[in-house]
N, C-alpha and C. Protein backbone atom coordinates (compact mmCIF):
# COMPACT_ATOMS: atom_id res chain seq x y z
N MET A 1 -6.75 -59.43 16.37
CA MET A 1 -7.69 -59.74 15.32
C MET A 1 -6.95 -60.52 14.23
N ASP A 2 -7.59 -61.56 13.75
CA ASP A 2 -7.03 -62.41 12.71
C ASP A 2 -7.12 -61.70 11.35
N TRP A 3 -6.20 -62.02 10.44
CA TRP A 3 -6.21 -61.40 9.11
C TRP A 3 -7.49 -61.74 8.35
N ASN A 4 -8.00 -62.97 8.53
CA ASN A 4 -9.23 -63.36 7.86
C ASN A 4 -10.40 -62.48 8.28
N ILE A 5 -10.51 -62.23 9.56
CA ILE A 5 -11.59 -61.39 10.08
C ILE A 5 -11.43 -59.96 9.57
N PHE A 6 -10.20 -59.46 9.58
CA PHE A 6 -9.93 -58.11 9.11
C PHE A 6 -10.32 -57.97 7.63
N LEU A 7 -9.89 -58.91 6.81
CA LEU A 7 -10.20 -58.83 5.38
C LEU A 7 -11.69 -58.98 5.11
N GLN A 8 -12.38 -59.79 5.91
CA GLN A 8 -13.83 -59.91 5.75
C GLN A 8 -14.53 -58.60 6.09
N ARG A 9 -14.05 -57.92 7.11
CA ARG A 9 -14.65 -56.63 7.48
C ARG A 9 -14.38 -55.57 6.42
N VAL A 10 -13.17 -55.57 5.86
CA VAL A 10 -12.85 -54.62 4.79
C VAL A 10 -13.73 -54.90 3.58
N TYR A 11 -13.86 -56.17 3.21
CA TYR A 11 -14.69 -56.55 2.07
C TYR A 11 -16.15 -56.15 2.29
N ARG A 12 -16.67 -56.39 3.49
CA ARG A 12 -18.05 -56.03 3.81
C ARG A 12 -18.22 -54.51 3.74
N GLY A 13 -17.24 -53.75 4.21
CA GLY A 13 -17.32 -52.30 4.15
C GLY A 13 -17.30 -51.78 2.72
N LEU A 14 -16.45 -52.39 1.88
CA LEU A 14 -16.41 -51.97 0.48
C LEU A 14 -17.73 -52.28 -0.23
N LEU A 15 -18.33 -53.41 0.09
CA LEU A 15 -19.63 -53.73 -0.52
C LEU A 15 -20.70 -52.75 -0.07
N GLN A 16 -20.65 -52.31 1.19
CA GLN A 16 -21.64 -51.35 1.67
C GLN A 16 -21.48 -50.01 0.97
N ILE A 17 -20.24 -49.64 0.67
CA ILE A 17 -20.01 -48.39 -0.06
C ILE A 17 -20.46 -48.53 -1.50
N PHE A 18 -20.11 -49.66 -2.14
CA PHE A 18 -20.45 -49.85 -3.55
C PHE A 18 -21.95 -49.93 -3.75
N TYR A 19 -22.63 -50.66 -2.91
CA TYR A 19 -24.08 -50.81 -3.04
C TYR A 19 -24.78 -49.85 -2.08
N PHE A 20 -24.60 -48.54 -2.30
CA PHE A 20 -25.14 -47.56 -1.37
C PHE A 20 -26.65 -47.37 -1.53
N ILE A 21 -27.23 -47.83 -2.64
CA ILE A 21 -28.68 -47.83 -2.80
C ILE A 21 -29.16 -49.26 -2.56
N PRO A 22 -30.00 -49.49 -1.57
CA PRO A 22 -30.44 -50.86 -1.30
C PRO A 22 -31.24 -51.44 -2.47
N LYS A 23 -31.13 -52.75 -2.63
CA LYS A 23 -31.83 -53.44 -3.73
C LYS A 23 -33.34 -53.26 -3.61
N THR A 24 -33.86 -53.20 -2.40
CA THR A 24 -35.30 -53.04 -2.23
C THR A 24 -35.80 -51.70 -2.75
N GLU A 25 -34.95 -50.66 -2.65
CA GLU A 25 -35.34 -49.34 -3.18
C GLU A 25 -35.49 -49.40 -4.69
N ILE A 26 -34.55 -50.07 -5.37
CA ILE A 26 -34.64 -50.19 -6.82
C ILE A 26 -35.82 -51.07 -7.20
N ASP A 27 -36.07 -52.14 -6.42
CA ASP A 27 -37.23 -52.99 -6.67
C ASP A 27 -38.52 -52.18 -6.58
N ASN A 28 -38.63 -51.33 -5.58
CA ASN A 28 -39.84 -50.51 -5.42
C ASN A 28 -39.97 -49.50 -6.55
N PHE A 29 -38.83 -48.94 -7.01
CA PHE A 29 -38.86 -47.96 -8.09
C PHE A 29 -39.27 -48.61 -9.40
N VAL A 30 -38.72 -49.80 -9.68
CA VAL A 30 -39.03 -50.50 -10.92
C VAL A 30 -40.43 -51.10 -10.87
N GLY A 31 -40.84 -51.57 -9.72
CA GLY A 31 -42.16 -52.16 -9.57
C GLY A 31 -42.15 -53.66 -9.56
N SER A 32 -40.98 -54.25 -9.77
CA SER A 32 -40.86 -55.71 -9.70
C SER A 32 -39.48 -56.05 -9.15
N SER A 33 -39.28 -57.31 -8.85
CA SER A 33 -38.01 -57.75 -8.28
C SER A 33 -36.98 -57.93 -9.39
N ILE A 34 -35.76 -57.45 -9.16
CA ILE A 34 -34.68 -57.62 -10.13
C ILE A 34 -33.67 -58.61 -9.56
N ASP A 35 -32.92 -59.24 -10.45
CA ASP A 35 -31.92 -60.20 -9.97
C ASP A 35 -30.63 -59.48 -9.58
N ASN A 36 -29.70 -60.22 -9.01
CA ASN A 36 -28.47 -59.62 -8.48
C ASN A 36 -27.57 -59.06 -9.57
N ILE A 37 -27.53 -59.71 -10.74
CA ILE A 37 -26.66 -59.22 -11.82
C ILE A 37 -27.18 -57.89 -12.35
N THR A 38 -28.49 -57.79 -12.53
CA THR A 38 -29.07 -56.52 -12.97
C THR A 38 -28.81 -55.42 -11.94
N TYR A 39 -28.93 -55.76 -10.67
CA TYR A 39 -28.67 -54.80 -9.60
C TYR A 39 -27.21 -54.33 -9.65
N SER A 40 -26.27 -55.25 -9.86
CA SER A 40 -24.86 -54.88 -9.94
C SER A 40 -24.59 -53.99 -11.14
N VAL A 41 -25.21 -54.30 -12.28
CA VAL A 41 -25.02 -53.48 -13.49
C VAL A 41 -25.58 -52.08 -13.26
N ILE A 42 -26.73 -51.98 -12.61
CA ILE A 42 -27.31 -50.67 -12.31
C ILE A 42 -26.38 -49.87 -11.40
N MET A 43 -25.81 -50.52 -10.37
CA MET A 43 -24.92 -49.81 -9.45
C MET A 43 -23.62 -49.39 -10.14
N ILE A 44 -23.09 -50.22 -11.04
CA ILE A 44 -21.89 -49.83 -11.79
C ILE A 44 -22.20 -48.61 -12.65
N GLY A 45 -23.36 -48.60 -13.29
CA GLY A 45 -23.76 -47.44 -14.09
C GLY A 45 -23.91 -46.18 -13.26
N ILE A 46 -24.49 -46.31 -12.09
CA ILE A 46 -24.64 -45.15 -11.20
C ILE A 46 -23.27 -44.62 -10.78
N TRP A 47 -22.34 -45.52 -10.43
CA TRP A 47 -21.00 -45.08 -10.04
C TRP A 47 -20.26 -44.42 -11.20
N LEU A 48 -20.44 -44.93 -12.43
CA LEU A 48 -19.81 -44.30 -13.59
C LEU A 48 -20.33 -42.88 -13.78
N VAL A 49 -21.63 -42.69 -13.62
CA VAL A 49 -22.22 -41.35 -13.73
C VAL A 49 -21.69 -40.44 -12.63
N VAL A 50 -21.61 -40.96 -11.40
CA VAL A 50 -21.11 -40.16 -10.28
C VAL A 50 -19.66 -39.73 -10.52
N PHE A 51 -18.80 -40.66 -10.93
CA PHE A 51 -17.41 -40.31 -11.18
C PHE A 51 -17.26 -39.35 -12.36
N PHE A 52 -18.09 -39.51 -13.40
CA PHE A 52 -18.04 -38.59 -14.52
C PHE A 52 -18.44 -37.19 -14.10
N LEU A 53 -19.48 -37.07 -13.27
CA LEU A 53 -19.91 -35.75 -12.83
C LEU A 53 -18.87 -35.09 -11.93
N ILE A 54 -18.20 -35.88 -11.09
CA ILE A 54 -17.12 -35.34 -10.27
C ILE A 54 -15.99 -34.85 -11.16
N TRP A 55 -15.60 -35.67 -12.15
CA TRP A 55 -14.53 -35.27 -13.07
C TRP A 55 -14.93 -34.01 -13.84
N LEU A 56 -16.18 -33.96 -14.32
CA LEU A 56 -16.63 -32.81 -15.09
C LEU A 56 -16.62 -31.53 -14.26
N SER A 57 -17.05 -31.60 -13.01
CA SER A 57 -17.05 -30.40 -12.18
C SER A 57 -15.62 -29.94 -11.88
N ILE A 58 -14.71 -30.87 -11.63
CA ILE A 58 -13.30 -30.49 -11.41
C ILE A 58 -12.72 -29.89 -12.68
N PHE A 59 -13.03 -30.46 -13.84
CA PHE A 59 -12.53 -29.96 -15.12
C PHE A 59 -13.04 -28.55 -15.39
N ILE A 60 -14.33 -28.32 -15.17
CA ILE A 60 -14.90 -26.99 -15.40
C ILE A 60 -14.30 -25.98 -14.42
N LEU A 61 -14.13 -26.37 -13.17
CA LEU A 61 -13.50 -25.49 -12.19
C LEU A 61 -12.07 -25.15 -12.60
N TYR A 62 -11.32 -26.15 -13.06
CA TYR A 62 -9.94 -25.93 -13.51
C TYR A 62 -9.90 -24.97 -14.69
N LYS A 63 -10.77 -25.17 -15.67
CA LYS A 63 -10.78 -24.29 -16.85
C LYS A 63 -11.20 -22.87 -16.47
N THR A 64 -12.13 -22.74 -15.54
CA THR A 64 -12.56 -21.41 -15.11
C THR A 64 -11.43 -20.69 -14.39
N ILE A 65 -10.72 -21.38 -13.53
CA ILE A 65 -9.59 -20.76 -12.82
C ILE A 65 -8.50 -20.37 -13.80
N ARG A 66 -8.21 -21.24 -14.78
CA ARG A 66 -7.19 -20.91 -15.78
C ARG A 66 -7.59 -19.70 -16.61
N LEU A 67 -8.89 -19.56 -16.88
CA LEU A 67 -9.38 -18.44 -17.68
C LEU A 67 -9.27 -17.13 -16.90
N VAL A 68 -9.56 -17.17 -15.61
CA VAL A 68 -9.54 -15.97 -14.78
C VAL A 68 -8.11 -15.55 -14.46
N VAL A 69 -7.26 -16.51 -14.17
CA VAL A 69 -5.89 -16.18 -13.73
C VAL A 69 -4.99 -15.93 -14.89
């Protein structure tokens, strides 16, 4: 396999992970068509919320364990 093909597949896989909610689902939720920049901003916001919630749950678990032990 050529490096170009490999890097294209990696890039395509990363985009599929980043854009895990299809644009059509957001279009249906909003009720109208949104452009690609708005879609990217929405997905960045969703990922920020997801990472914050993961961090918050780990932090609360850590503090609870420290309190008990």
